[in-house]
């Protein structure tokens, strides 16, 4: 699908330069960048409850509150 975007002149110049160096169309670089950004930000598409379910039980030591109290006690000892 084709689309039109507005870029700062220095960003367009950078894309053109990289495309020439790599012997690929500038549009391929933009498409790859969008795909990578989607992969990095995919967590935004998840439901918060789903994220909690998938991460529950990762911390195997004490409970979270116990850990916080332990860390805060260290701060108090330093003062």
PDB file of N, CA and C in Angstrom:
ATOM      1  N   UNK A   1       0.834  -1.159   0.000  1.00  0.00           N
ATOM      2  CA  UNK A   1       0.000   0.000   0.000  1.00  0.00           C
ATOM      3  C   UNK A   1       0.894   1.243   0.000  1.00  0.00           C
ATOM      4  N   UNK A   2       0.539   2.195  -0.776  1.00  0.00           N
ATOM      5  CA  UNK A   2       1.307   3.429  -0.857  1.00  0.00           C
ATOM      6  C   UNK A   2       0.745   4.449   0.109  1.00  0.00           C
ATOM      7  N   UNK A   3       1.624   5.294   0.628  1.00  0.00           N
ATOM      8  CA  UNK A   3       1.203   6.369   1.514  1.00  0.00           C
ATOM      9  C   UNK A   3       2.162   7.546   1.358  1.00  0.00           C
ATOM     10  N   UNK A   4       1.748   8.690   1.808  1.00  0.00           N
ATOM     11  CA  UNK A   4       2.587   9.889   1.743  1.00  0.00           C
ATOM     12  C   UNK A   4       2.907  10.306   3.175  1.00  0.00           C
ATOM     13  N   UNK A   5       4.184  10.570   3.433  1.00  0.00           N
ATOM     14  CA  UNK A   5       4.597  11.048   4.751  1.00  0.00           C
ATOM     15  C   UNK A   5       5.437  12.308   4.576  1.00  0.00           C
ATOM     16  N   UNK A   6       5.486  13.104   5.620  1.00  0.00           N
ATOM     17  CA  UNK A   6       6.306  14.314   5.612  1.00  0.00           C
ATOM     18  C   UNK A   6       7.511  14.072   6.519  1.00  0.00           C
ATOM     19  N   UNK A   7       8.692  14.321   5.991  1.00  0.00           N
ATOM     20  CA  UNK A   7       9.929  14.136   6.745  1.00  0.00           C
ATOM     21  C   UNK A   7      10.688  15.452   6.809  1.00  0.00           C
ATOM     22  N   UNK A   8      11.470  15.591   7.844  1.00  0.00           N
ATOM     23  CA  UNK A   8      12.385  16.723   7.915  1.00  0.00           C
ATOM     24  C   UNK A   8      13.427  16.548   6.806  1.00  0.00           C
ATOM     25  N   UNK A   9      13.911  17.629   6.226  1.00  0.00           N
ATOM     26  CA  UNK A   9      14.880  17.515   5.131  1.00  0.00           C
ATOM     27  C   UNK A   9      16.106  16.671   5.488  1.00  0.00           C
ATOM     28  N   UNK A  10      16.588  16.813   6.719  1.00  0.00           N
ATOM     29  CA  UNK A  10      17.785  16.037   7.101  1.00  0.00           C
ATOM     30  C   UNK A  10      17.473  14.548   7.216  1.00  0.00           C
ATOM     31  N   UNK A  11      16.245  14.201   7.634  1.00  0.00           N
ATOM     32  CA  UNK A  11      15.861  12.790   7.695  1.00  0.00           C
ATOM     33  C   UNK A  11      15.741  12.195   6.295  1.00  0.00           C
ATOM     34  N   UNK A  12      15.151  12.961   5.374  1.00  0.00           N
ATOM     35  CA  UNK A  12      15.029  12.494   3.977  1.00  0.00           C
ATOM     36  C   UNK A  12      16.404  12.322   3.350  1.00  0.00           C
ATOM     37  N   UNK A  13      17.309  13.264   3.599  1.00  0.00           N
ATOM     38  CA  UNK A  13      18.668  13.165   3.062  1.00  0.00           C
ATOM     39  C   UNK A  13      19.369  11.930   3.626  1.00  0.00           C
ATOM     40  N   UNK A  14      19.171  11.664   4.919  1.00  0.00           N
ATOM     41  CA  UNK A  14      19.784  10.487   5.540  1.00  0.00           C
ATOM     42  C   UNK A  14      19.243   9.208   4.908  1.00  0.00           C
ATOM     43  N   UNK A  15      17.925   9.133   4.740  1.00  0.00           N
ATOM     44  CA  UNK A  15      17.326   7.949   4.112  1.00  0.00           C
ATOM     45  C   UNK A  15      17.860   7.733   2.699  1.00  0.00           C
ATOM     46  N   UNK A  16      17.935   8.810   1.932  1.00  0.00           N
ATOM     47  CA  UNK A  16      18.455   8.693   0.564  1.00  0.00           C
ATOM     48  C   UNK A  16      19.895   8.192   0.570  1.00  0.00           C
ATOM     49  N   UNK A  17      20.695   8.720   1.471  1.00  0.00           N
ATOM     50  CA  UNK A  17      22.108   8.322   1.553  1.00  0.00           C
ATOM     51  C   UNK A  17      22.241   6.841   1.931  1.00  0.00           C
ATOM     52  N   UNK A  18      21.494   6.417   2.939  1.00  0.00           N
ATOM     53  CA  UNK A  18      21.554   5.017   3.373  1.00  0.00           C
ATOM     54  C   UNK A  18      21.051   4.095   2.272  1.00  0.00           C
ATOM     55  N   UNK A  19      19.993   4.492   1.594  1.00  0.00           N
ATOM     56  CA  UNK A  19      19.458   3.679   0.500  1.00  0.00           C
ATOM     57  C   UNK A  19      20.495   3.502  -0.611  1.00  0.00           C
ATOM     58  N   UNK A  20      21.189   4.580  -0.954  1.00  0.00           N
ATOM     59  CA  UNK A  20      22.249   4.479  -1.986  1.00  0.00           C
ATOM     60  C   UNK A  20      23.367   3.556  -1.526  1.00  0.00           C
ATOM     61  N   UNK A  21      23.792   3.707  -0.267  1.00  0.00           N
ATOM     62  CA  UNK A  21      24.884   2.885   0.261  1.00  0.00           C
ATOM     63  C   UNK A  21      24.521   1.400   0.274  1.00  0.00           C
ATOM     64  N   UNK A  22      23.274   1.108   0.560  1.00  0.00           N
ATOM     65  CA  UNK A  22      22.836  -0.287   0.661  1.00  0.00           C
ATOM     66  C   UNK A  22      22.239  -0.827  -0.627  1.00  0.00           C
ATOM     67  N   UNK A  23      22.132   0.039  -1.619  1.00  0.00           N
ATOM     68  CA  UNK A  23      21.590  -0.367  -2.922  1.00  0.00           C
ATOM     69  C   UNK A  23      20.177  -0.941  -2.797  1.00  0.00           C
ATOM     70  N   UNK A  24      19.354  -0.248  -2.005  1.00  0.00           N
ATOM     71  CA  UNK A  24      17.949  -0.627  -1.843  1.00  0.00           C
ATOM     72  C   UNK A  24      17.095   0.631  -1.975  1.00  0.00           C
ATOM     73  N   UNK A  25      15.832   0.468  -2.310  1.00  0.00           N
ATOM     74  CA  UNK A  25      14.958   1.642  -2.365  1.00  0.00           C
ATOM     75  C   UNK A  25      14.745   2.228  -0.962  1.00  0.00           C
ATOM     76  N   UNK A  26      14.611   3.538  -0.907  1.00  0.00           N
ATOM     77  CA  UNK A  26      14.363   4.206   0.361  1.00  0.00           C
ATOM     78  C   UNK A  26      13.099   3.659   1.014  1.00  0.00           C
ATOM     79  N   UNK A  27      12.116   3.325   0.217  1.00  0.00           N
ATOM     80  CA  UNK A  27      10.857   2.813   0.758  1.00  0.00           C
ATOM     81  C   UNK A  27      11.053   1.498   1.511  1.00  0.00           C
ATOM     82  N   UNK A  28      12.024   0.702   1.088  1.00  0.00           N
ATOM     83  CA  UNK A  28      12.294  -0.553   1.805  1.00  0.00           C
ATOM     84  C   UNK A  28      12.818  -0.268   3.203  1.00  0.00           C
ATOM     85  N   UNK A  29      13.665   0.737   3.328  1.00  0.00           N
ATOM     86  CA  UNK A  29      14.207   1.099   4.646  1.00  0.00           C
ATOM     87  C   UNK A  29      13.079   1.575   5.559  1.00  0.00           C
ATOM     88  N   UNK A  30      12.194   2.410   5.026  1.00  0.00           N
ATOM     89  CA  UNK A  30      11.067   2.908   5.817  1.00  0.00           C
ATOM     90  C   UNK A  30      10.165   1.740   6.222  1.00  0.00           C
ATOM     91  N   UNK A  31       9.860   0.850   5.309  1.00  0.00           N
ATOM     92  CA  UNK A  31       8.994  -0.291   5.616  1.00  0.00           C
ATOM     93  C   UNK A  31       9.625  -1.179   6.693  1.00  0.00           C
ATOM     94  N   UNK A  32      10.944  -1.406   6.606  1.00  0.00           N
ATOM     95  CA  UNK A  32      11.621  -2.223   7.611  1.00  0.00           C
ATOM     96  C   UNK A  32      11.596  -1.532   8.972  1.00  0.00           C
ATOM     97  N   UNK A  33      11.755  -0.210   8.964  1.00  0.00           N
ATOM     98  CA  UNK A  33      11.729   0.543  10.220  1.00  0.00           C
ATOM     99  C   UNK A  33      10.352   0.460  10.875  1.00  0.00           C
ATOM    100  N   UNK A  34       9.303   0.571  10.086  1.00  0.00           N
ATOM    101  CA  UNK A  34       7.945   0.482  10.623  1.00  0.00           C
ATOM    102  C   UNK A  34       7.699  -0.913  11.182  1.00  0.00           C
ATOM    103  N   UNK A  35       8.135  -1.936  10.464  1.00  0.00           N
ATOM    104  CA  UNK A  35       7.954  -3.314  10.933  1.00  0.00           C
ATOM    105  C   UNK A  35       8.677  -3.531  12.271  1.00  0.00           C
ATOM    106  N   UNK A  36       9.902  -3.031  12.382  1.00  0.00           N
ATOM    107  CA  UNK A  36      10.664  -3.167  13.627  1.00  0.00           C
ATOM    108  C   UNK A  36       9.994  -2.401  14.766  1.00  0.00           C
ATOM    109  N   UNK A  37       9.509  -1.214  14.496  1.00  0.00           N
ATOM    110  CA  UNK A  37       8.831  -0.425  15.512  1.00  0.00           C
ATOM    111  C   UNK A  37       7.562  -1.125  15.989  1.00  0.00           C
ATOM    112  N   UNK A  38       6.822  -1.715  15.065  1.00  0.00           N
ATOM    113  CA  UNK A  38       5.629  -2.470  15.446  1.00  0.00           C
ATOM    114  C   UNK A  38       5.996  -3.640  16.355  1.00  0.00           C
ATOM    115  N   UNK A  39       7.090  -4.314  16.038  1.00  0.00           N
ATOM    116  CA  UNK A  39       7.523  -5.447  16.859  1.00  0.00           C
ATOM    117  C   UNK A  39       7.893  -4.964  18.271  1.00  0.00           C
ATOM    118  N   UNK A  40       8.627  -3.844  18.356  1.00  0.00           N
ATOM    119  CA  UNK A  40       9.022  -3.308  19.654  1.00  0.00           C
ATOM    120  C   UNK A  40       7.828  -2.834  20.473  1.00  0.00           C
ATOM    121  N   UNK A  41       6.846  -2.277  19.819  1.00  0.00           N
ATOM    122  CA  UNK A  41       5.694  -1.709  20.516  1.00  0.00           C
ATOM    123  C   UNK A  41       4.522  -2.676  20.601  1.00  0.00           C
ATOM    124  N   UNK A  42       4.712  -3.919  20.258  1.00  0.00           N
ATOM    125  CA  UNK A  42       3.602  -4.870  20.218  1.00  0.00           C
ATOM    126  C   UNK A  42       2.924  -5.027  21.572  1.00  0.00           C
ATOM    127  N   UNK A  43       3.657  -4.757  22.666  1.00  0.00           N
ATOM    128  CA  UNK A  43       3.064  -4.867  23.988  1.00  0.00           C
ATOM    129  C   UNK A  43       1.899  -3.898  24.157  1.00  0.00           C
ATOM    130  N   UNK A  44       1.875  -2.815  23.389  1.00  0.00           N
ATOM    131  CA  UNK A  44       0.779  -1.850  23.499  1.00  0.00           C
ATOM    132  C   UNK A  44      -0.537  -2.432  23.009  1.00  0.00           C
ATOM    133  N   UNK A  45      -0.467  -3.455  22.168  1.00  0.00           N
ATOM    134  CA  UNK A  45      -1.667  -4.085  21.644  1.00  0.00           C
ATOM    135  C   UNK A  45      -2.251  -5.113  22.610  1.00  0.00           C
ATOM    136  N   UNK A  46      -1.478  -5.457  23.641  1.00  0.00           N
ATOM    137  CA  UNK A  46      -1.944  -6.472  24.570  1.00  0.00           C
ATOM    138  C   UNK A  46      -2.870  -5.867  25.613  1.00  0.00           C
ATOM    139  N   UNK A  47      -3.803  -6.640  26.044  1.00  0.00           N
ATOM    140  CA  UNK A  47      -4.678  -6.285  27.136  1.00  0.00           C
ATOM    141  C   UNK A  47      -3.863  -6.319  28.430  1.00  0.00           C
ATOM    142  N   UNK A  48      -4.090  -5.366  29.327  1.00  0.00           N
ATOM    143  CA  UNK A  48      -3.316  -5.298  30.559  1.00  0.00           C
ATOM    144  C   UNK A  48      -3.439  -6.581  31.370  1.00  0.00           C
ATOM    145  N   UNK A  49      -4.644  -7.142  31.436  1.00  0.00           N
ATOM    146  CA  UNK A  49      -4.831  -8.395  32.173  1.00  0.00           C
ATOM    147  C   UNK A  49      -4.025  -9.529  31.551  1.00  0.00           C
ATOM    148  N   UNK A  50      -3.906  -9.539  30.224  1.00  0.00           N
ATOM    149  CA  UNK A  50      -3.117 -10.557  29.539  1.00  0.00           C
ATOM    150  C   UNK A  50      -1.646 -10.416  29.922  1.00  0.00           C
ATOM    151  N   UNK A  51      -1.158  -9.184  29.971  1.00  0.00           N
ATOM    152  CA  UNK A  51       0.238  -8.952  30.365  1.00  0.00           C
ATOM    153  C   UNK A  51       0.473  -9.445  31.783  1.00  0.00           C
ATOM    154  N   UNK A  52      -0.452  -9.140  32.693  1.00  0.00           N
ATOM    155  CA  UNK A  52      -0.309  -9.622  34.069  1.00  0.00           C
ATOM    156  C   UNK A  52      -0.281 -11.140  34.123  1.00  0.00           C
ATOM    157  N   UNK A  53      -1.181 -11.792  33.384  1.00  0.00           N
ATOM    158  CA  UNK A  53      -1.206 -13.257  33.357  1.00  0.00           C
ATOM    159  C   UNK A  53       0.106 -13.840  32.844  1.00  0.00           C
ATOM    160  N   UNK A  54       0.668 -13.218  31.800  1.00  0.00           N
ATOM    161  CA  UNK A  54       1.897 -13.739  31.199  1.00  0.00           C
ATOM    162  C   UNK A  54       3.124 -13.502  32.065  1.00  0.00           C
ATOM    163  N   UNK A  55       3.087 -12.507  32.938  1.00  0.00           N
ATOM    164  CA  UNK A  55       4.263 -12.192  33.746  1.00  0.00           C
ATOM    165  C   UNK A  55       4.130 -12.637  35.201  1.00  0.00           C
ATOM    166  N   UNK A  56       2.978 -13.127  35.584  1.00  0.00           N
ATOM    167  CA  UNK A  56       2.757 -13.572  36.962  1.00  0.00           C
ATOM    168  C   UNK A  56       3.729 -14.702  37.302  1.00  0.00           C
ATOM    169  N   UNK A  57       4.374 -14.566  38.447  1.00  0.00           N
ATOM    170  CA  UNK A  57       5.264 -15.612  38.913  1.00  0.00           C
ATOM    171  C   UNK A  57       6.699 -15.495  38.425  1.00  0.00           C
ATOM    172  N   UNK A  58       7.022 -14.430  37.705  1.00  0.00           N
ATOM    173  CA  UNK A  58       8.395 -14.268  37.212  1.00  0.00           C
ATOM    174  C   UNK A  58       9.365 -14.081  38.381  1.00  0.00           C
ATOM    175  N   UNK A  59       8.976 -13.267  39.363  1.00  0.00           N
ATOM    176  CA  UNK A  59       9.828 -13.010  40.530  1.00  0.00           C
ATOM    177  C   UNK A  59       9.661 -14.179  41.483  1.00  0.00           C
ATOM    178  N   UNK A  60      10.692 -15.005  41.604  1.00  0.00           N
ATOM    179  CA  UNK A  60      10.588 -16.256  42.351  1.00  0.00           C
ATOM    180  C   UNK A  60      10.977 -16.129  43.822  1.00  0.00           C
ATOM    181  N   UNK A  61      11.587 -15.026  44.192  1.00  0.00           N
ATOM    182  CA  UNK A  61      12.016 -14.897  45.592  1.00  0.00           C
ATOM    183  C   UNK A  61      10.811 -14.560  46.457  1.00  0.00           C
ATOM    184  N   UNK A  62      10.930 -13.555  47.284  1.00  0.00           N
ATOM    185  CA  UNK A  62       9.825 -13.162  48.164  1.00  0.00           C
ATOM    186  C   UNK A  62       8.785 -12.393  47.362  1.00  0.00           C
ATOM    187  N   UNK A  63       7.693 -12.067  47.997  1.00  0.00           N
ATOM    188  CA  UNK A  63       6.669 -11.261  47.352  1.00  0.00           C
ATOM    189  C   UNK A  63       7.182  -9.860  47.064  1.00  0.00           C
ATOM    190  N   UNK A  64       6.490  -9.159  46.211  1.00  0.00           N
ATOM    191  CA  UNK A  64       6.903  -7.814  45.818  1.00  0.00           C
ATOM    192  C   UNK A  64       6.992  -6.855  46.987  1.00  0.00           C
ATOM    193  N   UNK A  65       6.024  -6.932  47.893  1.00  0.00           N
ATOM    194  CA  UNK A  65       6.035  -6.038  49.045  1.00  0.00           C
ATOM    195  C   UNK A  65       7.224  -6.331  49.950  1.00  0.00           C
ATOM    196  N   UNK A  66       7.531  -7.596  50.137  1.00  0.00           N
ATOM    197  CA  UNK A  66       8.696  -7.980  50.945  1.00  0.00           C
ATOM    198  C   UNK A  66       9.971  -7.425  50.317  1.00  0.00           C
ATOM    199  N   UNK A  67      10.082  -7.516  49.015  1.00  0.00           N
ATOM    200  CA  UNK A  67      11.254  -6.998  48.304  1.00  0.00           C
ATOM    201  C   UNK A  67      11.367  -5.482  48.485  1.00  0.00           C
ATOM    202  N   UNK A  68      10.248  -4.777  48.345  1.00  0.00           N
ATOM    203  CA  UNK A  68      10.270  -3.321  48.519  1.00  0.00           C
ATOM    204  C   UNK A  68      10.732  -2.948  49.921  1.00  0.00           C
ATOM    205  N   UNK A  69      10.206  -3.626  50.903  1.00  0.00           N
ATOM    206  CA  UNK A  69      10.596  -3.336  52.295  1.00  0.00           C
ATOM    207  C   UNK A  69      12.074  -3.602  52.523  1.00  0.00           C
ATOM    208  N   UNK A  70      12.591  -4.654  51.918  1.00  0.00           N
ATOM    209  CA  UNK A  70      14.002  -4.978  52.049  1.00  0.00           C
ATOM    210  C   UNK A  70      14.864  -3.858  51.455  1.00  0.00           C
ATOM    211  N   UNK A  71      14.490  -3.387  50.261  1.00  0.00           N
ATOM    212  CA  UNK A  71      15.243  -2.312  49.610  1.00  0.00           C
ATOM    213  C   UNK A  71      15.157  -1.021  50.407  1.00  0.00           C
ATOM    214  N   UNK A  72      13.989  -0.702  50.918  1.00  0.00           N
ATOM    215  CA  UNK A  72      13.832   0.529  51.696  1.00  0.00           C
ATOM    216  C   UNK A  72      14.632   0.466  52.985  1.00  0.00           C
ATOM    217  N   UNK A  73      14.720  -0.722  53.575  1.00  0.00           N
ATOM    218  CA  UNK A  73      15.529  -0.883  54.791  1.00  0.00           C
ATOM    219  C   UNK A  73      16.994  -0.599  54.483  1.00  0.00           C
ATOM    220  N   UNK A  74      17.458  -0.987  53.300  1.00  0.00           N
ATOM    221  CA  UNK A  74      18.836  -0.689  52.908  1.00  0.00           C
ATOM    222  C   UNK A  74      19.049   0.810  52.821  1.00  0.00           C
ATOM    223  N   UNK A  75      18.068   1.536  52.291  1.00  0.00           N
ATOM    224  CA  UNK A  75      18.197   2.992  52.198  1.00  0.00           C
ATOM    225  C   UNK A  75      18.294   3.617  53.583  1.00  0.00           C
ATOM    226  N   UNK A  76      17.476   3.110  54.515  1.00  0.00           N
ATOM    227  CA  UNK A  76      17.478   3.646  55.864  1.00  0.00           C
ATOM    228  C   UNK A  76      18.816   3.412  56.556  1.00  0.00           C
ATOM    229  N   UNK A  77      19.428   2.257  56.308  1.00  0.00           N
ATOM    230  CA  UNK A  77      20.728   1.957  56.914  1.00  0.00           C
ATOM    231  C   UNK A  77      21.828   2.869  56.376  1.00  0.00           C
ATOM    232  N   UNK A  78      21.710   3.325  55.146  1.00  0.00           N
ATOM    233  CA  UNK A  78      22.721   4.186  54.527  1.00  0.00           C
ATOM    234  C   UNK A  78      22.687   5.606  55.090  1.00  0.00           C
ATOM    235  N   UNK A  79      21.573   6.011  55.634  1.00  0.00           N
ATOM    236  CA  UNK A  79      21.446   7.405  56.105  1.00  0.00           C
ATOM    237  C   UNK A  79      22.015   7.613  57.449  1.00  0.00           C
TER     238      UNK A  79
END
